Every structure is written in C-alpha cells, then in structure tokens.
C-alpha cells in the first residue's frame, strides 16, 4: 500500500464553513474529530474543500432533505 501525501489547505481551497449542504463531516475523506485523508492540518467538521466527496448516497439524500425542509419553513 502506497502512502499518498496530503495537500495543503490552500491547494485544496479549504474553508472553515460549508459550501451549501456540502461539509467535511459528510465527506468520505473526513476522519472525526478533525482530520482528513486528503487535506493536511486541523479540519473543521463544518468546513469544505474542492476534494469534497459524499460519504454515500444516503448521506447526500438526508442532507438534501434537511436543506429542503429548511427552505420550506
């Protein structure tokens, strides 16, 4: 198994706030409590980077439902 080096936050365009419904805690690469397999450094669960990848379809569906519920209030 080869070890792939992590990228820095600037390269990843990391931000400490979500991008819409996409946020690190919903990403397949996020490791609780504050780590990422792709981006180096301390990672906020509510952050986002250009490498964001949904954990799975269920996570995406639930996040979308949550967003739609908030919009209908």
C-alpha atoms as a PDB file:
ATOM      1  CA  UNK A   1       0.000   0.000   0.000  1.00  0.00           C
ATOM      2  CA  UNK A   2       1.493   3.324  -1.047  1.00  0.00           C
ATOM      3  CA  UNK A   3       1.093   6.428   1.064  1.00  0.00           C
ATOM      4  CA  UNK A   4      -0.259   9.417  -0.822  1.00  0.00           C
ATOM      5  CA  UNK A   5       0.893  12.756   0.588  1.00  0.00           C
ATOM      6  CA  UNK A   6      -1.792  15.162   1.767  1.00  0.00           C
ATOM      7  CA  UNK A   7      -2.286  18.500   0.058  1.00  0.00           C
ATOM      8  CA  UNK A   8      -2.120  21.813   1.890  1.00  0.00           C
ATOM      9  CA  UNK A   9      -5.257  23.800   2.685  1.00  0.00           C
ATOM     10  CA  UNK A  10      -4.535  26.483   0.089  1.00  0.00           C
ATOM     11  CA  UNK A  11      -4.248  23.940  -2.737  1.00  0.00           C
ATOM     12  CA  UNK A  12      -7.458  22.270  -1.523  1.00  0.00           C
ATOM     13  CA  UNK A  13      -9.216  25.669  -1.351  1.00  0.00           C
ATOM     14  CA  UNK A  14     -10.196  24.629   2.170  1.00  0.00           C
ATOM     15  CA  UNK A  15     -12.604  26.884   4.027  1.00  0.00           C
ATOM     16  CA  UNK A  16     -13.888  26.613   7.597  1.00  0.00           C
ATOM     17  CA  UNK A  17     -17.538  26.931   6.577  1.00  0.00           C
ATOM     18  CA  UNK A  18     -19.726  24.651   4.432  1.00  0.00           C
ATOM     19  CA  UNK A  19     -20.449  25.113   0.756  1.00  0.00           C
ATOM     20  CA  UNK A  20     -24.191  24.782   0.662  1.00  0.00           C
ATOM     21  CA  UNK A  21     -25.103  21.388   2.101  1.00  0.00           C
ATOM     22  CA  UNK A  22     -21.600  20.016   1.469  1.00  0.00           C
ATOM     23  CA  UNK A  23     -19.367  19.993   4.533  1.00  0.00           C
ATOM     24  CA  UNK A  24     -16.457  17.898   5.737  1.00  0.00           C
ATOM     25  CA  UNK A  25     -18.415  15.773   8.225  1.00  0.00           C
ATOM     26  CA  UNK A  26     -20.430  14.491   5.228  1.00  0.00           C
ATOM     27  CA  UNK A  27     -17.332  13.699   3.151  1.00  0.00           C
ATOM     28  CA  UNK A  28     -15.876  10.244   2.581  1.00  0.00           C
ATOM     29  CA  UNK A  29     -12.384  11.528   3.429  1.00  0.00           C
ATOM     30  CA  UNK A  30     -13.231  13.175   6.770  1.00  0.00           C
ATOM     31  CA  UNK A  31     -11.970  11.443   9.909  1.00  0.00           C
ATOM     32  CA  UNK A  32     -13.564  12.561  13.156  1.00  0.00           C
ATOM     33  CA  UNK A  33     -12.910  14.637  15.085  1.00  0.00           C
ATOM     34  CA  UNK A  34     -10.663  16.972  12.976  1.00  0.00           C
ATOM     35  CA  UNK A  35      -8.789  15.106  10.260  1.00  0.00           C
ATOM     36  CA  UNK A  36      -8.929  14.389   6.525  1.00  0.00           C
ATOM     37  CA  UNK A  37      -7.238  11.726   4.418  1.00  0.00           C
ATOM     38  CA  UNK A  38      -6.647  14.257   1.589  1.00  0.00           C
ATOM     39  CA  UNK A  39      -6.069  17.665   3.224  1.00  0.00           C
ATOM     40  CA  UNK A  40      -3.333  18.344   5.791  1.00  0.00           C
ATOM     41  CA  UNK A  41      -3.917  20.070   9.110  1.00  0.00           C
ATOM     42  CA  UNK A  42      -6.777  20.556  11.529  1.00  0.00           C
ATOM     43  CA  UNK A  43     -10.094  20.162   9.660  1.00  0.00           C
ATOM     44  CA  UNK A  44     -13.432  21.524  10.845  1.00  0.00           C
ATOM     45  CA  UNK A  45     -16.399  19.145  10.514  1.00  0.00           C
ATOM     46  CA  UNK A  46     -18.277  22.140   9.086  1.00  0.00           C
ATOM     47  CA  UNK A  47     -15.523  23.022   6.620  1.00  0.00           C
ATOM     48  CA  UNK A  48     -15.269  22.263   2.891  1.00  0.00           C
ATOM     49  CA  UNK A  49     -12.580  21.722   0.232  1.00  0.00           C
ATOM     50  CA  UNK A  50     -12.565  21.198  -3.524  1.00  0.00           C
ATOM     51  CA  UNK A  51     -11.954  17.494  -2.875  1.00  0.00           C
ATOM     52  CA  UNK A  52     -15.333  17.049  -1.167  1.00  0.00           C
ATOM     53  CA  UNK A  53     -16.866  13.623  -1.918  1.00  0.00           C
ATOM     54  CA  UNK A  54     -20.176  12.453  -0.446  1.00  0.00           C
ATOM     55  CA  UNK A  55     -19.789   9.571   2.028  1.00  0.00           C
ATOM     56  CA  UNK A  56     -22.624   7.749   0.300  1.00  0.00           C
ATOM     57  CA  UNK A  57     -25.937   8.337  -1.452  1.00  0.00           C
ATOM     58  CA  UNK A  58     -27.871   8.121   1.819  1.00  0.00           C
ATOM     59  CA  UNK A  59     -25.825  10.921   3.389  1.00  0.00           C
ATOM     60  CA  UNK A  60     -26.415  13.082   0.319  1.00  0.00           C
ATOM     61  CA  UNK A  61     -30.144  12.336   0.299  1.00  0.00           C
ATOM     62  CA  UNK A  62     -30.545  13.171   4.006  1.00  0.00           C
ATOM     63  CA  UNK A  63     -28.592  16.421   3.646  1.00  0.00           C
ATOM     64  CA  UNK A  64     -30.716  17.421   0.657  1.00  0.00           C
ATOM     65  CA  UNK A  65     -33.916  16.622   2.569  1.00  0.00           C
ATOM     66  CA  UNK A  66     -32.679  18.726   5.508  1.00  0.00           C
ATOM     67  CA  UNK A  67     -31.982  21.631   3.141  1.00  0.00           C
ATOM     68  CA  UNK A  68     -35.419  21.395   1.500  1.00  0.00           C
ATOM     69  CA  UNK A  69     -37.126  21.288   4.901  1.00  0.00           C
ATOM     70  CA  UNK A  70     -35.346  24.483   5.966  1.00  0.00           C
ATOM     71  CA  UNK A  71     -36.329  26.212   2.709  1.00  0.00           C
ATOM     72  CA  UNK A  72     -39.997  25.361   3.155  1.00  0.00           C
ATOM     73  CA  UNK A  73     -40.228  26.921   6.631  1.00  0.00           C
END
